[in-house]
N, C-alpha and C. Protein backbone atom coordinates (compact mmCIF):
# COMPACT_ATOMS: atom_id res chain seq x y z
N GLY A 1 -28.13 -1.20 -40.81
CA GLY A 1 -28.63 -0.31 -40.14
C GLY A 1 -28.49 0.01 -38.93
N SER A 2 -27.22 -1.05 -37.94
CA SER A 2 -27.23 -0.15 -36.83
C SER A 2 -25.77 0.28 -37.12
N THR A 3 -25.58 1.39 -35.97
CA THR A 3 -24.02 1.93 -35.53
C THR A 3 -22.87 1.50 -35.44
N PHE A 4 -21.94 1.45 -34.99
CA PHE A 4 -20.58 1.19 -33.96
C PHE A 4 -19.38 2.51 -34.46
N PRO A 5 -18.88 2.29 -33.09
CA PRO A 5 -17.93 3.13 -33.17
C PRO A 5 -16.37 2.68 -34.02
N CYS A 6 -16.28 3.67 -34.97
CA CYS A 6 -15.23 3.47 -35.35
C CYS A 6 -14.04 4.33 -35.36
N GLU A 7 -13.11 4.51 -36.23
CA GLU A 7 -11.75 5.09 -36.21
C GLU A 7 -11.71 5.35 -37.49
N ILE A 8 -11.84 6.57 -38.15
CA ILE A 8 -11.40 7.01 -39.38
C ILE A 8 -10.53 7.55 -39.57
N GLN A 9 -9.53 7.03 -40.85
CA GLN A 9 -7.97 7.79 -41.06
C GLN A 9 -7.87 8.09 -42.62
N GLY A 10 -7.71 9.52 -42.65
CA GLY A 10 -7.95 9.90 -44.62
C GLY A 10 -6.71 10.76 -44.59
N ARG A 11 -6.57 10.72 -46.02
CA ARG A 11 -5.45 11.60 -46.34
C ARG A 11 -5.45 11.75 -47.84
N GLY A 12 -5.06 12.86 -48.14
CA GLY A 12 -5.16 13.11 -50.01
C GLY A 12 -4.09 12.52 -50.46
N ILE A 13 -4.35 12.13 -51.58
CA ILE A 13 -3.18 11.53 -52.54
C ILE A 13 -3.17 11.76 -53.93
N THR A 14 -1.81 11.85 -54.88
CA THR A 14 -2.02 12.03 -56.02
C THR A 14 -2.42 10.83 -56.88
N TYR A 15 -3.33 10.61 -57.81
CA TYR A 15 -3.48 9.61 -58.20
C TYR A 15 -4.05 10.03 -59.39
N GLN A 16 -3.17 9.45 -60.79
CA GLN A 16 -3.57 10.08 -62.13
C GLN A 16 -3.55 11.54 -62.40
N GLY A 17 -2.68 12.39 -61.44
CA GLY A 17 -2.23 13.46 -61.66
C GLY A 17 -3.72 14.41 -60.92
N ARG A 18 -4.55 13.22 -60.56
CA ARG A 18 -5.26 14.06 -59.57
C ARG A 18 -5.55 14.01 -58.20
N THR A 19 -5.55 14.93 -57.31
CA THR A 19 -5.57 14.27 -56.03
C THR A 19 -6.96 13.63 -55.39
N ILE A 20 -6.94 12.98 -54.86
CA ILE A 20 -8.22 12.01 -54.36
C ILE A 20 -7.90 11.98 -52.99
N ARG A 21 -9.10 11.63 -52.23
CA ARG A 21 -9.11 11.21 -50.82
C ARG A 21 -9.11 9.74 -50.67
N VAL A 22 -8.32 9.38 -49.90
CA VAL A 22 -8.21 7.87 -49.36
C VAL A 22 -8.76 8.00 -48.22
N THR A 23 -9.83 6.73 -47.76
CA THR A 23 -9.98 6.92 -46.37
C THR A 23 -10.18 5.61 -45.86
N ALA A 24 -10.36 5.27 -44.64
CA ALA A 24 -10.02 4.01 -43.92
C ALA A 24 -10.51 4.08 -43.00
N LEU A 25 -11.99 2.91 -42.58
CA LEU A 25 -12.83 2.93 -41.41
C LEU A 25 -12.26 1.42 -40.58
N GLN A 26 -12.19 1.54 -39.28
CA GLN A 26 -11.79 0.32 -38.82
C GLN A 26 -12.51 0.71 -37.41
N ASP A 27 -13.31 -0.91 -37.21
CA ASP A 27 -14.50 -0.89 -36.16
C ASP A 27 -13.55 -1.03 -34.86
N ILE A 28 -13.64 -0.49 -34.24
CA ILE A 28 -13.02 -0.28 -32.48
C ILE A 28 -14.31 -0.98 -31.28
N THR A 29 -15.28 -1.17 -32.36
CA THR A 29 -16.00 -1.85 -31.27
C THR A 29 -15.37 -2.20 -29.46
N LYS A 30 -14.31 -3.38 -29.91
CA LYS A 30 -13.84 -4.22 -28.96
C LYS A 30 -13.04 -3.09 -28.09
N ARG A 31 -12.34 -2.12 -28.92
CA ARG A 31 -11.31 -1.23 -28.02
C ARG A 31 -12.37 -0.92 -26.94
N LYS A 32 -13.43 0.56 -27.55
CA LYS A 32 -14.31 1.01 -26.68
C LYS A 32 -15.05 -0.02 -25.55
N ARG A 33 -14.76 -1.28 -25.50
CA ARG A 33 -15.75 -1.99 -24.75
C ARG A 33 -14.39 -2.38 -23.81
N ALA A 34 -13.35 -2.61 -24.31
CA ALA A 34 -12.39 -2.54 -23.34
C ALA A 34 -11.60 -1.09 -22.69
N GLU A 35 -11.83 -0.55 -22.84
CA GLU A 35 -11.63 0.82 -22.48
C GLU A 35 -12.73 1.34 -21.31
N LYS A 36 -13.98 0.80 -21.68
CA LYS A 36 -14.95 1.02 -21.02
C LYS A 36 -14.84 -0.01 -19.53
N GLU A 37 -14.54 -0.90 -19.55
CA GLU A 37 -13.93 -2.13 -18.52
C GLU A 37 -12.79 -1.75 -18.01
N LEU A 38 -11.82 -1.00 -18.42
CA LEU A 38 -10.85 -0.79 -17.73
C LEU A 38 -11.33 0.61 -16.82
N LEU A 39 -12.02 1.42 -17.38
CA LEU A 39 -12.21 2.62 -16.18
C LEU A 39 -13.61 2.21 -15.53
N LYS A 40 -14.01 1.01 -15.66
CA LYS A 40 -14.66 0.32 -14.22
C LYS A 40 -13.66 0.32 -13.41
N SER A 41 -13.30 -0.89 -14.10
CA SER A 41 -11.94 -0.86 -13.00
C SER A 41 -11.10 -0.76 -11.90
N GLU A 42 -10.56 0.42 -12.88
CA GLU A 42 -10.25 1.66 -11.75
C GLU A 42 -10.92 2.46 -11.40
N GLU A 43 -11.65 2.80 -10.98
CA GLU A 43 -13.12 3.33 -10.09
C GLU A 43 -12.97 2.36 -9.13
N ARG A 44 -13.14 0.95 -9.31
CA ARG A 44 -13.33 0.17 -8.08
C ARG A 44 -12.43 0.02 -7.50
N TYR A 45 -10.94 -0.02 -7.75
CA TYR A 45 -9.93 -0.29 -7.16
C TYR A 45 -9.55 1.39 -6.65
N ARG A 46 -10.09 2.28 -7.19
CA ARG A 46 -9.78 3.73 -6.75
C ARG A 46 -10.85 3.62 -5.46
N ARG A 47 -11.77 3.24 -5.20
CA ARG A 47 -12.74 3.22 -4.20
C ARG A 47 -11.95 2.36 -2.83
N ILE A 48 -11.90 1.36 -3.24
CA ILE A 48 -10.83 0.42 -2.10
C ILE A 48 -10.11 0.87 -1.52
N PHE A 49 -9.14 1.76 -2.52
CA PHE A 49 -7.95 2.06 -2.04
C PHE A 49 -7.78 3.82 -0.95
N GLU A 50 -9.10 4.23 -1.62
CA GLU A 50 -9.44 5.57 -0.59
C GLU A 50 -10.13 4.83 0.38
N ASN A 51 -10.75 3.98 0.33
CA ASN A 51 -11.38 3.26 1.67
C ASN A 51 -10.86 2.39 3.04
N LEU A 52 -9.43 2.17 2.46
CA LEU A 52 -8.80 1.47 3.16
C LEU A 52 -8.60 1.65 4.82
N GLN A 53 -8.81 0.76 5.87
CA GLN A 53 -8.40 1.15 6.92
C GLN A 53 -7.06 1.01 7.50
N ASP A 54 -6.30 0.12 6.82
CA ASP A 54 -5.11 -0.03 7.15
C ASP A 54 -4.40 0.83 5.82
N VAL A 55 -2.90 1.07 5.85
CA VAL A 55 -2.20 2.29 5.36
C VAL A 55 -1.78 1.09 4.13
N TYR A 56 -1.85 1.31 3.10
CA TYR A 56 -1.14 0.78 1.98
C TYR A 56 0.02 1.57 1.44
N TYR A 57 0.92 0.95 0.99
CA TYR A 57 2.27 2.10 0.85
C TYR A 57 3.37 1.46 -0.34
N GLU A 58 3.78 2.08 -1.19
CA GLU A 58 5.16 1.30 -1.83
C GLU A 58 6.07 2.43 -1.99
N ALA A 59 7.17 1.65 -1.91
CA ALA A 59 8.53 2.60 -1.96
C ALA A 59 9.35 1.91 -2.62
N GLY A 60 10.33 3.17 -3.16
CA GLY A 60 11.31 2.17 -3.77
C GLY A 60 12.34 1.69 -2.68
N MET A 61 13.16 0.74 -3.33
CA MET A 61 14.50 0.59 -3.00
C MET A 61 15.02 1.42 -2.05
N ASP A 62 15.22 2.86 -2.47
CA ASP A 62 15.71 3.91 -1.48
C ASP A 62 15.16 4.25 -0.55
N GLY A 63 14.22 3.63 -0.24
CA GLY A 63 13.02 4.13 0.76
C GLY A 63 11.93 4.72 0.24
N THR A 64 12.38 5.75 -1.00
CA THR A 64 11.47 6.97 -1.25
C THR A 64 9.59 6.53 -1.13
N ILE A 65 8.67 7.18 -0.52
CA ILE A 65 7.71 6.51 -0.48
C ILE A 65 7.10 7.41 -1.79
N LEU A 66 6.68 6.36 -2.73
CA LEU A 66 6.32 6.17 -4.16
C LEU A 66 4.56 6.59 -4.06
N GLU A 67 3.65 5.66 -3.28
CA GLU A 67 2.44 5.98 -3.00
C GLU A 67 1.93 5.50 -1.19
N VAL A 68 0.76 5.78 -1.36
CA VAL A 68 0.43 5.78 0.35
C VAL A 68 -1.36 6.31 -0.01
N SER A 69 -1.97 5.24 0.65
CA SER A 69 -3.44 5.53 0.76
C SER A 69 -3.69 6.85 2.03
N PRO A 70 -4.55 7.48 1.33
CA PRO A 70 -5.22 8.49 1.95
C PRO A 70 -5.66 8.02 3.72
N SER A 71 -5.64 6.31 4.00
CA SER A 71 -5.75 6.24 5.55
C SER A 71 -4.87 6.49 6.41
N VAL A 72 -3.80 6.83 5.64
CA VAL A 72 -2.35 7.27 6.88
C VAL A 72 -2.96 8.62 7.39
N ASP A 73 -3.71 9.51 7.06
CA ASP A 73 -4.03 10.36 7.49
C ASP A 73 -5.05 10.10 9.05
N LYS A 74 -5.64 9.04 8.84
CA LYS A 74 -6.40 8.38 9.90
C LYS A 74 -5.47 8.10 11.09
N VAL A 75 -4.23 7.31 10.93
CA VAL A 75 -3.98 6.18 12.39
C VAL A 75 -2.04 7.48 12.23
N SER A 76 -2.11 8.42 11.75
CA SER A 76 -0.76 9.41 11.67
C SER A 76 -1.16 10.43 11.96
N LEU A 77 -0.56 11.82 12.18
CA LEU A 77 0.01 12.86 11.94
C LEU A 77 0.33 13.46 10.69
N PHE A 78 0.88 12.60 10.00
CA PHE A 78 1.15 12.62 8.76
C PHE A 78 -0.09 12.61 7.58
N LYS A 79 0.42 14.19 6.41
CA LYS A 79 -0.79 13.91 6.18
C LYS A 79 -0.15 13.37 4.26
N ARG A 80 -1.17 12.71 3.53
CA ARG A 80 -0.75 11.63 2.45
C ARG A 80 0.15 12.34 1.56
N LYS A 81 -0.44 14.03 1.25
CA LYS A 81 0.33 14.43 0.22
C LYS A 81 1.94 15.00 0.88
N GLU A 82 2.25 15.09 1.73
CA GLU A 82 3.39 15.32 2.77
C GLU A 82 4.27 14.45 2.64
N ILE A 83 3.68 13.28 2.43
CA ILE A 83 4.48 12.16 2.89
C ILE A 83 4.97 11.46 1.65
N ILE A 84 4.44 11.53 0.36
CA ILE A 84 4.91 11.12 -0.51
C ILE A 84 6.36 12.14 -1.15
N GLY A 85 7.18 10.99 -1.57
CA GLY A 85 8.59 11.66 -1.57
C GLY A 85 9.73 11.42 -0.19
N THR A 86 8.73 11.54 0.41
CA THR A 86 10.22 11.41 1.69
C THR A 86 10.20 10.04 1.63
N SER A 87 11.20 9.64 3.03
CA SER A 87 11.73 8.75 2.85
C SER A 87 11.25 7.19 3.74
N LEU A 88 11.07 6.19 3.73
CA LEU A 88 9.83 5.47 4.73
C LEU A 88 11.24 5.31 5.45
N TYR A 89 12.92 4.86 5.44
CA TYR A 89 13.58 5.06 6.38
C TYR A 89 13.60 6.09 7.37
N ASP A 90 13.00 7.14 7.44
CA ASP A 90 12.91 7.77 8.31
C ASP A 90 12.14 7.82 9.51
N ILE A 91 10.96 7.13 9.02
CA ILE A 91 9.56 6.85 10.12
C ILE A 91 10.18 5.65 11.17
N TYR A 92 11.32 4.99 11.00
CA TYR A 92 11.38 3.57 11.96
C TYR A 92 11.92 4.19 13.39
N ALA A 93 11.09 4.05 14.45
CA ALA A 93 11.95 4.73 15.69
C ALA A 93 13.30 4.02 16.07
N ASP A 94 13.51 2.94 15.68
CA ASP A 94 14.99 2.29 15.79
C ASP A 94 15.73 1.71 14.28
N PRO A 95 17.02 2.34 14.39
CA PRO A 95 17.55 1.97 13.25
C PRO A 95 17.64 0.90 13.11
N LYS A 96 18.26 0.09 14.06
CA LYS A 96 18.66 -1.45 14.54
C LYS A 96 17.32 -2.23 13.97
N GLU A 97 16.34 -1.84 14.50
CA GLU A 97 14.85 -3.12 14.03
C GLU A 97 14.46 -2.83 12.42
N ARG A 98 14.76 -1.30 12.20
CA ARG A 98 14.58 -1.28 10.66
C ARG A 98 15.42 -1.99 9.87
N ASP A 99 16.77 -2.15 10.48
CA ASP A 99 17.27 -2.79 9.11
C ASP A 99 17.74 -4.24 9.48
N GLU A 100 17.28 -4.91 10.56
CA GLU A 100 16.71 -6.62 10.86
C GLU A 100 15.44 -6.20 9.98
N PHE A 101 14.44 -5.92 9.83
CA PHE A 101 13.10 -5.69 9.09
C PHE A 101 13.67 -5.76 7.57
N ILE A 102 14.41 -4.69 7.45
CA ILE A 102 14.75 -4.95 5.79
C ILE A 102 15.67 -5.98 5.47
N LYS A 103 16.10 -6.47 6.39
CA LYS A 103 16.79 -7.74 5.81
C LYS A 103 16.16 -9.11 5.70
N GLU A 104 15.17 -8.90 6.71
CA GLU A 104 14.52 -9.99 6.52
C GLU A 104 13.47 -10.21 4.94
N ILE A 105 13.06 -8.69 5.03
CA ILE A 105 12.43 -8.88 3.48
C ILE A 105 12.98 -9.07 2.64
N LEU A 106 14.88 -8.39 2.58
CA LEU A 106 15.59 -8.96 1.17
C LEU A 106 15.45 -10.81 1.24
N ASP A 107 15.87 -10.96 2.60
CA ASP A 107 16.19 -12.85 2.78
C ASP A 107 14.76 -13.45 2.60
N LYS A 108 13.53 -12.96 2.66
CA LYS A 108 12.65 -13.66 2.39
C LYS A 108 11.56 -13.88 1.29
N GLY A 109 11.75 -11.88 0.95
CA GLY A 109 11.03 -11.37 -0.31
C GLY A 109 9.64 -10.81 -0.03
N ARG A 110 9.12 -11.14 1.22
CA ARG A 110 8.25 -10.64 2.10
C ARG A 110 7.95 -10.74 3.77
N VAL A 111 7.04 -10.29 4.40
CA VAL A 111 7.20 -10.33 5.96
C VAL A 111 5.83 -9.95 6.09
N ASN A 112 5.10 -11.02 7.13
CA ASN A 112 4.10 -11.21 7.28
C ASN A 112 3.53 -10.79 9.10
N ASP A 113 2.79 -9.79 9.24
CA ASP A 113 2.52 -9.12 10.91
C ASP A 113 3.92 -8.65 11.32
N TYR A 114 4.64 -8.37 10.93
CA TYR A 114 5.79 -8.02 11.52
C TYR A 114 5.53 -6.66 12.50
N GLU A 115 6.03 -6.96 13.47
CA GLU A 115 5.41 -5.77 14.85
C GLU A 115 6.75 -4.66 14.76
N ILE A 116 6.70 -3.71 14.77
CA ILE A 116 7.49 -2.36 14.85
C ILE A 116 7.46 -1.32 15.12
N LEU A 117 8.10 -0.75 15.69
CA LEU A 117 7.68 0.84 16.27
C LEU A 117 8.01 1.95 14.75
N LEU A 118 7.25 2.79 15.14
CA LEU A 118 7.51 3.77 13.90
C LEU A 118 7.07 5.14 14.25
N LYS A 119 7.95 6.42 13.94
CA LYS A 119 7.76 7.59 14.69
C LYS A 119 6.42 8.15 13.93
N ASP A 120 6.31 9.06 14.46
CA ASP A 120 4.75 10.23 14.36
C ASP A 120 5.43 11.01 13.45
N LYS A 121 4.86 12.44 13.27
CA LYS A 121 5.31 13.51 12.62
C LYS A 121 5.61 13.98 13.67
N ASP A 122 5.18 14.08 14.92
CA ASP A 122 5.68 14.88 16.23
C ASP A 122 7.03 14.21 17.06
N GLY A 123 7.34 12.74 16.84
CA GLY A 123 8.13 12.15 16.68
C GLY A 123 7.36 11.02 18.06
N SER A 124 6.32 11.16 18.39
CA SER A 124 5.84 10.31 19.03
C SER A 124 5.86 8.79 18.32
N GLN A 125 5.78 7.78 19.08
CA GLN A 125 5.98 6.50 18.32
C GLN A 125 4.91 5.32 18.81
N ARG A 126 4.26 4.86 17.67
CA ARG A 126 3.49 3.59 17.27
C ARG A 126 3.49 2.49 17.38
N PRO A 127 3.31 1.86 17.90
CA PRO A 127 3.43 -0.08 17.50
C PRO A 127 2.39 -0.24 16.03
N PHE A 128 3.54 -0.60 15.20
CA PHE A 128 2.59 -1.03 13.56
C PHE A 128 2.58 -2.48 12.99
N SER A 129 1.77 -3.17 12.86
CA SER A 129 2.10 -4.02 12.33
C SER A 129 2.62 -4.44 10.50
N ILE A 130 3.16 -4.68 10.30
CA ILE A 130 3.47 -4.43 8.72
C ILE A 130 3.66 -5.73 7.72
N THR A 131 3.00 -5.74 7.04
CA THR A 131 3.41 -6.50 6.16
C THR A 131 3.74 -6.32 4.40
N THR A 132 4.64 -6.87 4.14
CA THR A 132 5.63 -6.75 3.07
C THR A 132 5.63 -7.21 2.02
N VAL A 133 5.59 -6.97 0.73
CA VAL A 133 6.43 -8.12 -0.45
C VAL A 133 7.56 -7.00 -0.63
N LEU A 134 8.57 -7.93 -1.66
CA LEU A 134 9.42 -7.08 -1.95
C LEU A 134 9.20 -7.66 -3.95
N MET A 135 8.80 -6.27 -4.59
CA MET A 135 8.14 -6.46 -5.90
C MET A 135 10.10 -6.59 -6.79
N LYS A 136 10.04 -7.58 -7.65
CA LYS A 136 11.18 -7.67 -8.50
C LYS A 136 10.82 -7.54 -10.09
N ASP A 137 11.97 -7.19 -11.09
CA ASP A 137 11.62 -7.10 -12.11
C ASP A 137 11.50 -8.19 -12.71
N ASN A 138 11.74 -8.17 -14.22
CA ASN A 138 12.04 -9.99 -14.64
C ASN A 138 13.27 -10.57 -14.69
N HIS A 139 14.22 -9.59 -14.13
CA HIS A 139 15.61 -10.24 -13.95
C HIS A 139 15.32 -10.23 -12.77
N GLY A 140 14.36 -10.24 -11.82
CA GLY A 140 14.91 -10.43 -10.25
C GLY A 140 15.63 -9.44 -9.58
N THR A 141 15.62 -8.54 -10.01
CA THR A 141 16.25 -7.59 -9.78
C THR A 141 15.39 -6.40 -9.02
N PRO A 142 15.36 -6.54 -7.28
CA PRO A 142 14.82 -5.69 -6.64
C PRO A 142 14.21 -4.33 -7.14
N ILE A 143 13.02 -4.00 -6.83
CA ILE A 143 12.47 -2.57 -7.89
C ILE A 143 11.76 -2.04 -6.82
N LYS A 144 10.68 -2.79 -5.61
CA LYS A 144 10.13 -1.76 -4.79
C LYS A 144 9.81 -2.39 -3.48
N LEU A 145 8.82 -1.73 -2.72
CA LEU A 145 8.33 -2.66 -1.35
C LEU A 145 7.17 -2.19 -1.57
N ILE A 146 5.86 -3.33 -1.86
CA ILE A 146 4.40 -2.71 -1.52
C ILE A 146 4.42 -3.53 -0.18
N GLY A 147 3.54 -3.06 0.76
CA GLY A 147 2.67 -3.52 1.79
C GLY A 147 1.67 -2.75 2.63
N SER A 148 1.55 -3.07 3.65
CA SER A 148 0.34 -2.57 4.13
C SER A 148 0.95 -2.49 5.67
N MET A 149 0.17 -1.14 6.58
CA MET A 149 0.32 -0.76 7.50
C MET A 149 -0.60 -0.97 9.03
N ARG A 150 -0.80 -1.73 9.82
CA ARG A 150 -2.17 -1.61 10.54
C ARG A 150 -0.97 -0.80 12.25
N ASN A 151 -1.78 0.44 12.46
CA ASN A 151 -1.71 0.81 13.76
C ASN A 151 -2.35 -0.32 14.80
N ILE A 152 -1.21 -0.70 15.54
CA ILE A 152 -1.59 -1.89 16.51
C ILE A 152 -1.65 -1.26 18.25
N SER A 153 -1.73 -0.42 18.48
CA SER A 153 -1.67 0.73 19.93
C SER A 153 -2.91 0.34 20.48
N GLU A 154 -4.15 0.28 19.84
CA GLU A 154 -4.96 -0.44 21.09
C GLU A 154 -5.03 -1.57 21.24
N ARG A 155 -4.41 -2.56 20.57
CA ARG A 155 -4.22 -3.98 21.13
C ARG A 155 -3.08 -4.19 21.71
N LYS A 156 -2.39 -3.57 21.60
CA LYS A 156 -1.03 -3.60 22.62
C LYS A 156 -1.75 -3.02 23.87
N GLN A 157 -2.13 -1.99 23.64
CA GLN A 157 -2.24 -1.45 25.30
C GLN A 157 -3.63 -2.33 26.02
N ALA A 158 -4.47 -3.05 24.83
CA ALA A 158 -5.66 -3.96 25.55
C ALA A 158 -4.67 -5.56 26.28
N GLU A 159 -3.46 -5.51 25.37
CA GLU A 159 -2.64 -6.55 25.59
C GLU A 159 -2.04 -6.58 26.99
N GLU A 160 -1.25 -5.02 27.43
CA GLU A 160 -0.74 -4.71 28.63
C GLU A 160 -1.61 -4.82 29.49
N GLU A 161 -3.11 -4.32 29.07
CA GLU A 161 -4.03 -4.25 30.34
C GLU A 161 -4.35 -5.84 31.22
N LEU A 162 -4.82 -6.75 29.85
CA LEU A 162 -4.99 -7.90 30.47
C LEU A 162 -3.63 -8.50 31.00
N ARG A 163 -2.05 -8.08 30.78
CA ARG A 163 -1.29 -8.55 31.41
C ARG A 163 -0.99 -8.17 33.06
N LYS A 164 -1.60 -6.86 33.26
CA LYS A 164 -1.69 -6.73 34.41
C LYS A 164 -2.75 -7.05 35.03
N ALA A 165 -4.04 -7.39 35.03
CA ALA A 165 -4.94 -8.06 35.10
C ALA A 165 -4.57 -9.70 35.84
N HIS A 166 -4.04 -10.07 35.00
CA HIS A 166 -3.37 -11.37 35.15
C HIS A 166 -2.41 -11.29 36.36
N ASP A 167 -1.63 -10.56 36.39
CA ASP A 167 -0.68 -10.61 37.39
C ASP A 167 -1.10 -10.03 38.66
N GLU A 168 -1.94 -9.18 38.92
CA GLU A 168 -2.83 -8.85 40.00
C GLU A 168 -3.42 -10.02 40.40
N LEU A 169 -4.20 -10.71 39.54
CA LEU A 169 -4.96 -12.14 39.85
C LEU A 169 -4.27 -13.00 40.31
N GLU A 170 -2.58 -13.02 40.16
CA GLU A 170 -1.72 -14.28 40.34
C GLU A 170 -1.18 -13.84 42.00
N ALA A 171 -1.18 -12.46 42.06
CA ALA A 171 -0.75 -12.11 43.52
C ALA A 171 -1.62 -12.22 44.51
N ARG A 172 -3.50 -12.18 43.88
CA ARG A 172 -3.96 -12.04 45.02
C ARG A 172 -4.23 -13.62 45.15
N VAL A 173 -3.79 -14.71 44.30
CA VAL A 173 -4.22 -16.12 44.31
C VAL A 173 -3.39 -16.65 45.51
N LYS A 174 -1.96 -15.93 45.02
CA LYS A 174 -0.77 -16.40 46.31
C LYS A 174 -1.08 -15.96 47.45
N GLU A 175 -1.76 -14.44 47.61
CA GLU A 175 -1.96 -13.65 48.94
C GLU A 175 -2.46 -14.71 49.17
N ARG A 176 -3.93 -15.48 49.09
CA ARG A 176 -4.65 -15.84 49.48
C ARG A 176 -4.39 -17.22 49.85
N THR A 177 -3.70 -17.92 48.67
CA THR A 177 -2.70 -19.59 49.14
C THR A 177 -2.38 -19.27 50.36
N THR A 178 -1.28 -18.51 50.73
CA THR A 178 -0.48 -17.56 52.01
C THR A 178 -1.16 -17.73 52.98
N GLU A 179 -2.39 -16.92 53.01
CA GLU A 179 -3.10 -16.93 53.65
C GLU A 179 -4.30 -18.25 54.53
N LEU A 180 -4.78 -18.94 53.63
CA LEU A 180 -5.36 -20.27 54.15
C LEU A 180 -3.94 -21.34 54.45
N ALA A 181 -2.89 -21.23 53.82
CA ALA A 181 -2.13 -22.46 54.24
C ALA A 181 -1.92 -22.05 55.63
């Protein structure tokens, strides 16, 4: 008396001069369970993707941005919808640094915490730390870049302030040492 999801396929055929209906039922419980799990998994990853602090991106080997997380709206003036389809290569502040970065990815297959200046929509430059993996097909041919970018402007500013404070302290120590001598 239990119920289960099934797929029904039927068709009419001629049998001994009469048209009869042949019907097949297939238990699709496992398929429905797998579909439900897939939907739950997709929802979980969608929530993660939409709430990332860093910017997740995927780009083709020609630099075309294929995907970018909504967090791009928080760390730059670019909007997600307008940046997808543009060239990732155009946002590097220095083409020479960009070429060195791309060469390192191609040589090593990945880079971690690579610091580089990127241009924002208004032309201003911001320091980012980028981690990128080179994805290849089954034949070893590079097909796309997948990675994350973190705006490190605040960290760089704090490092600069710390360096200035250190330099001032060193100068004061030197000055006091001279006075005492």
